[in-house]
Amino acid sequence: MEFHEVARFESAGDERRMLVCGEDGYLVVRQDVSGPSAVVAYGDEERSSRLTFGPGVVRRLLAAVPRETGISLREFLESEERDLFDLMDLCDALGIAYDFASRGTRSGAQLRPARMRGAHELAR
């Protein structure tokens, strides 16, 4: 799986990179953060988080982001004001399923598969 960097932001020793990968109908959006703010926020010097969208929802995601935000998914990811968690919030609000995985240098790995979403999906 080869990721392509779409944006990199640096400030006061912190770095955030936004990357994407498309393969076999899947779309993966990854955010890598490092620096002092990552230590404060996560307890990790480096942290990588990713959203994986299955083939059944990629087209819906690509249509929903511009409809809801007025910009493409790429522009969304290129914006320094938005991060991966803003995309998660948007997908949650629209009922777009994704798998979430995160891994840090100290905290280890976390996984939240799409089937374990909250009550808002059960109500649909």
C-alpha atoms as a PDB file:
ATOM      1  CA  MET A   1       0.000   0.000   0.000  1.00  0.00           C
ATOM      2  CA  GLU A   2       1.611   3.217  -1.167  1.00  0.00           C
ATOM      3  CA  PHE A   3       0.540   6.488   0.440  1.00  0.00           C
ATOM      4  CA  HIS A   4       0.761   9.869  -1.265  1.00  0.00           C
ATOM      5  CA  GLU A   5       1.255  12.991   0.791  1.00  0.00           C
ATOM      6  CA  VAL A   6      -1.382  15.645   0.075  1.00  0.00           C
ATOM      7  CA  ALA A   7      -0.400  18.154   2.775  1.00  0.00           C
ATOM      8  CA  ARG A   8       2.267  18.870   5.391  1.00  0.00           C
ATOM      9  CA  PHE A   9       1.981  21.455   8.137  1.00  0.00           C
ATOM     10  CA  GLU A  10       4.833  22.542  10.423  1.00  0.00           C
ATOM     11  CA  SER A  11       4.689  24.906  13.372  1.00  0.00           C
ATOM     12  CA  ALA A  12       6.719  25.357  16.570  1.00  0.00           C
ATOM     13  CA  GLY A  13       8.390  21.934  16.304  1.00  0.00           C
ATOM     14  CA  ASP A  14       5.130  20.134  15.459  1.00  0.00           C
ATOM     15  CA  GLU A  15       4.460  18.388  12.176  1.00  0.00           C
ATOM     16  CA  ARG A  16       1.219  17.037  10.708  1.00  0.00           C
ATOM     17  CA  ARG A  17       1.098  15.135   7.448  1.00  0.00           C
ATOM     18  CA  MET A  18      -2.033  14.142   5.541  1.00  0.00           C
ATOM     19  CA  LEU A  19      -1.705  11.152   3.218  1.00  0.00           C
ATOM     20  CA  VAL A  20      -4.041   9.088   1.040  1.00  0.00           C
ATOM     21  CA  CYS A  21      -3.959   5.690  -0.595  1.00  0.00           C
ATOM     22  CA  GLY A  22      -6.464   4.087  -2.929  1.00  0.00           C
ATOM     23  CA  GLU A  23      -6.280   0.379  -3.647  1.00  0.00           C
ATOM     24  CA  ASP A  24      -8.764  -2.303  -4.737  1.00  0.00           C
ATOM     25  CA  GLY A  25     -11.696   0.093  -4.302  1.00  0.00           C
ATOM     26  CA  TYR A  26     -10.673   1.093  -0.769  1.00  0.00           C
ATOM     27  CA  LEU A  27      -9.650   4.600   0.240  1.00  0.00           C
ATOM     28  CA  VAL A  28      -7.375   5.169   3.225  1.00  0.00           C
ATOM     29  CA  VAL A  29      -6.771   8.618   4.703  1.00  0.00           C
ATOM     30  CA  ARG A  30      -3.857   8.809   7.129  1.00  0.00           C
ATOM     31  CA  GLN A  31      -2.699  11.549   9.467  1.00  0.00           C
ATOM     32  CA  ASP A  32       0.769  11.465  11.018  1.00  0.00           C
ATOM     33  CA  VAL A  33       1.564  13.883  13.829  1.00  0.00           C
ATOM     34  CA  SER A  34       4.777  14.448  15.745  1.00  0.00           C
ATOM     35  CA  GLY A  35       6.323  16.981  18.042  1.00  0.00           C
ATOM     36  CA  PRO A  36       5.615  18.566  21.420  1.00  0.00           C
ATOM     37  CA  SER A  37       1.864  18.898  20.833  1.00  0.00           C
ATOM     38  CA  ALA A  38       1.610  15.166  20.059  1.00  0.00           C
ATOM     39  CA  VAL A  39       3.255  14.418  23.400  1.00  0.00           C
ATOM     40  CA  VAL A  40       0.791  16.670  25.222  1.00  0.00           C
ATOM     41  CA  ALA A  41      -2.284  15.414  23.333  1.00  0.00           C
ATOM     42  CA  TYR A  42      -1.480  11.700  23.055  1.00  0.00           C
ATOM     43  CA  GLY A  43       1.535  10.954  25.230  1.00  0.00           C
ATOM     44  CA  ASP A  44       3.349   9.910  22.041  1.00  0.00           C
ATOM     45  CA  GLU A  45       6.197  11.615  20.244  1.00  0.00           C
ATOM     46  CA  GLU A  46       4.701  10.301  17.003  1.00  0.00           C
ATOM     47  CA  ARG A  47       1.173   9.146  16.265  1.00  0.00           C
ATOM     48  CA  SER A  48      -0.369   7.799  13.078  1.00  0.00           C
ATOM     49  CA  SER A  49      -4.152   7.585  12.648  1.00  0.00           C
ATOM     50  CA  ARG A  50      -6.099   6.349   9.658  1.00  0.00           C
ATOM     51  CA  LEU A  51      -9.595   6.023   8.313  1.00  0.00           C
ATOM     52  CA  THR A  52     -10.334   3.187   5.903  1.00  0.00           C
ATOM     53  CA  PHE A  53     -13.364   3.468   3.661  1.00  0.00           C
ATOM     54  CA  GLY A  54     -14.617   0.314   1.975  1.00  0.00           C
ATOM     55  CA  PRO A  55     -15.555   0.034  -1.702  1.00  0.00           C
ATOM     56  CA  GLY A  56     -19.239   0.396  -0.881  1.00  0.00           C
ATOM     57  CA  VAL A  57     -18.872   3.890   0.630  1.00  0.00           C
ATOM     58  CA  VAL A  58     -16.016   5.578  -1.254  1.00  0.00           C
ATOM     59  CA  ARG A  59     -18.273   7.052  -3.945  1.00  0.00           C
ATOM     60  CA  ARG A  60     -20.699   8.270  -1.273  1.00  0.00           C
ATOM     61  CA  LEU A  61     -17.844   9.902   0.668  1.00  0.00           C
ATOM     62  CA  LEU A  62     -16.465  11.647  -2.420  1.00  0.00           C
ATOM     63  CA  ALA A  63     -19.920  13.070  -3.208  1.00  0.00           C
ATOM     64  CA  ALA A  64     -20.819  13.986   0.384  1.00  0.00           C
ATOM     65  CA  VAL A  65     -17.729  16.051   1.256  1.00  0.00           C
ATOM     66  CA  PRO A  66     -18.238  18.650  -1.510  1.00  0.00           C
ATOM     67  CA  ARG A  67     -21.995  18.716  -0.939  1.00  0.00           C
ATOM     68  CA  GLU A  68     -21.568  19.376   2.800  1.00  0.00           C
ATOM     69  CA  THR A  69     -18.442  21.567   2.768  1.00  0.00           C
ATOM     70  CA  GLY A  70     -18.322  23.146  -0.695  1.00  0.00           C
ATOM     71  CA  ILE A  71     -14.832  21.734  -1.323  1.00  0.00           C
ATOM     72  CA  SER A  72     -13.401  18.430  -2.553  1.00  0.00           C
ATOM     73  CA  LEU A  73     -12.007  15.774  -0.242  1.00  0.00           C
ATOM     74  CA  ARG A  74      -8.501  16.706  -1.389  1.00  0.00           C
ATOM     75  CA  GLU A  75      -9.105  20.380  -0.543  1.00  0.00           C
ATOM     76  CA  PHE A  76     -10.546  19.300   2.813  1.00  0.00           C
ATOM     77  CA  LEU A  77      -7.344  17.383   3.594  1.00  0.00           C
ATOM     78  CA  GLU A  78      -5.101  20.198   2.310  1.00  0.00           C
ATOM     79  CA  SER A  79      -6.630  22.687   4.750  1.00  0.00           C
ATOM     80  CA  GLU A  80      -4.518  23.388   7.815  1.00  0.00           C
ATOM     81  CA  GLU A  81      -7.707  24.218   9.740  1.00  0.00           C
ATOM     82  CA  ARG A  82      -9.082  20.666   9.348  1.00  0.00           C
ATOM     83  CA  ASP A  83      -7.660  17.337  10.410  1.00  0.00           C
ATOM     84  CA  LEU A  84      -8.555  13.657  10.308  1.00  0.00           C
ATOM     85  CA  PHE A  85     -10.883  14.005  13.272  1.00  0.00           C
ATOM     86  CA  ASP A  86     -12.899  16.663  11.459  1.00  0.00           C
ATOM     87  CA  LEU A  87     -13.371  14.146   8.637  1.00  0.00           C
ATOM     88  CA  MET A  88     -14.468  11.552  11.210  1.00  0.00           C
ATOM     89  CA  ASP A  89     -17.008  13.997  12.630  1.00  0.00           C
ATOM     90  CA  LEU A  90     -18.373  14.716   9.158  1.00  0.00           C
ATOM     91  CA  CYS A  91     -18.639  11.009   8.328  1.00  0.00           C
ATOM     92  CA  ASP A  92     -20.333  10.280  11.657  1.00  0.00           C
ATOM     93  CA  ALA A  93     -22.884  13.049  11.035  1.00  0.00           C
ATOM     94  CA  LEU A  94     -23.623  11.675   7.554  1.00  0.00           C
ATOM     95  CA  GLY A  95     -23.637   7.998   8.548  1.00  0.00           C
ATOM     96  CA  ILE A  96     -20.652   7.129   6.341  1.00  0.00           C
ATOM     97  CA  ALA A  97     -18.959   4.016   7.751  1.00  0.00           C
ATOM     98  CA  TYR A  98     -15.195   3.748   8.173  1.00  0.00           C
ATOM     99  CA  ASP A  99     -12.664   1.766  10.160  1.00  0.00           C
ATOM    100  CA  PHE A 100     -10.473   3.837  12.481  1.00  0.00           C
ATOM    101  CA  ALA A 101      -7.001   2.732  13.518  1.00  0.00           C
ATOM    102  CA  SER A 102      -4.359   4.634  15.441  1.00  0.00           C
ATOM    103  CA  ARG A 103      -0.905   3.801  16.676  1.00  0.00           C
ATOM    104  CA  GLY A 104       1.542   5.707  18.812  1.00  0.00           C
ATOM    105  CA  THR A 105       5.149   5.313  19.868  1.00  0.00           C
ATOM    106  CA  ARG A 106       4.152   4.739  23.511  1.00  0.00           C
ATOM    107  CA  SER A 107       0.402   4.202  23.643  1.00  0.00           C
ATOM    108  CA  GLY A 108       0.285   1.266  21.248  1.00  0.00           C
ATOM    109  CA  ALA A 109      -2.521   0.595  18.786  1.00  0.00           C
ATOM    110  CA  GLN A 110      -6.250   1.253  18.833  1.00  0.00           C
ATOM    111  CA  LEU A 111      -8.850  -0.066  16.386  1.00  0.00           C
ATOM    112  CA  ARG A 112     -12.499   0.848  15.997  1.00  0.00           C
ATOM    113  CA  PRO A 113     -14.070  -1.192  13.185  1.00  0.00           C
ATOM    114  CA  ALA A 114     -17.056   0.267  11.316  1.00  0.00           C
ATOM    115  CA  ARG A 115     -19.461  -2.246  12.853  1.00  0.00           C
ATOM    116  CA  MET A 116     -18.812  -0.801  16.322  1.00  0.00           C
ATOM    117  CA  ARG A 117     -20.233   2.683  15.635  1.00  0.00           C
ATOM    118  CA  GLY A 118     -22.394   4.463  18.138  1.00  0.00           C
ATOM    119  CA  ALA A 119     -26.120   4.566  18.614  1.00  0.00           C
ATOM    120  CA  HIS A 120     -26.617   7.123  15.817  1.00  0.00           C
ATOM    121  CA  GLU A 121     -26.027   4.347  13.275  1.00  0.00           C
ATOM    122  CA  LEU A 122     -28.304   1.914  15.061  1.00  0.00           C
ATOM    123  CA  ALA A 123     -31.149   4.392  14.707  1.00  0.00           C
ATOM    124  CA  ARG A 124     -30.880   4.408  10.888  1.00  0.00           C
END
